[in-house]
Amino acid sequence: MLAGSARRGQPGQGDPGRETPSRARTADEGVGAMGLFLQRCFDGLANGAIYASLAIALVIVYRSTGLLNVAQGEVATLGTYVGFVVHSPVTPALAGTGLAHALLPGSPWPIWASIAVAVVVGAVVAAGAERLILRRIPQRTGMSVVSATVGLMLLLNGFTERMWRGVVRGFPSAFPNHPDRFVLVGDARLRYTTIGTWATLLVVLGALWLVLRYTRTGLAFRAVSSSPEMSELMGIRAGQVTTLGWGLAGGIGALAGCLVAPTVLLEPGMMVRVLIFGLVAATIGGLDSLGGAVLGGLMIGLTQTMIGGYVPFLGSQLSLPGALLVMVLILVYRPTGLFGTRRIERV
């Protein structure tokens, strides 16, 4: 996929975390007000799916530890780079392609196989960080663990920058993304990339629900989320469950990175602002609610798009403050988020 201005001009293409121009106007100047509104809704859906994916990863870590993983975006970026290397032919301009070709038969791999590798790498990095770094912190408190994830974020960002430089690269889309590939709904264009991204998100969410609801692993995860101390007394190895939660979050985050990279383009800092929007989405929906994460991502995606489209003097540059304002207003009336569980502290 080619990077640059040609991509920016494609109708209906989102740009999560950076800018949300009024893309429908560039797509069709003759579209009426209702068609323009519908087009912006579709654009918001595209952005919201990405924020929801990262919000789900944040929720999984929070449910297993009660803490936030600030390094979630950098884990996703690292996994996305590995997926890009596996998908690329051998070239000196991209570090790691020669090693991938030597270790992986049939390299370069197709895009979905490469995304699978990215997911595995994200899961391994996140689980390894929890097992080897965070668990070894003496007298683990909320502040110490969050500070450790900040250090991990800087470490991974520095490694990615050192390994692949700050070159901006185009990442291939996993779904048909030619300007002519869309479903016409009225005067608005619902792109296949939006449909595919939401389909992937719903499949992941459904699989998580089935695992958490009907498997022994899911039962153990729910027990640890409710009370780590009591679960230990019942014979559940809370440490292993926590590592599993971090691994799941790392894999889902890497999947989100691969889905967002074709839009924001691949670079070491591509997930920084996306992580902020994902955190806002998770907070709005409730930090322990998977369904709330999806709804929060949808709300933030629509808010970002509508502010950029209907409030010209604010524009896309102030879409983040607008999203934060929505979060504050919801937390004023629902401190635990829309679907968050109020924790009762016994004294």
Foldseek 3Di string as FASTA:
>chain_A
DDDDDVLVQQALFEAALPAFAQNVCSVPVPDDPVQSLVQLLLSLLLQLLLLLLLLLLQLLLCLLPVAGQLLLLLLLLVLLLQLQLLQDADDPLAPPVVVSPVPPPPGSDDNVVSLVSSLQSQLCVQLCCCVPPQVPDPPDDRVVSNVVSVVVNVVSLVVQCVRNNFDFAAADAPWDDDSVAFDCDPPHTNHRLSVVSVVVSVVLVVVLCCCLPPHPLNVLSNVSSQPVVVSVVVVRDSSVSSSNSSSNSRSSSNSSSSSNCNRNTRGSCSCNSSSLQSVLQSQQLFSNDSVSSSVSSSVLSSQLSCCQPPVVVCHNVCSSVSSVVVSVVSCVVVVRHPPYDDDDDDD
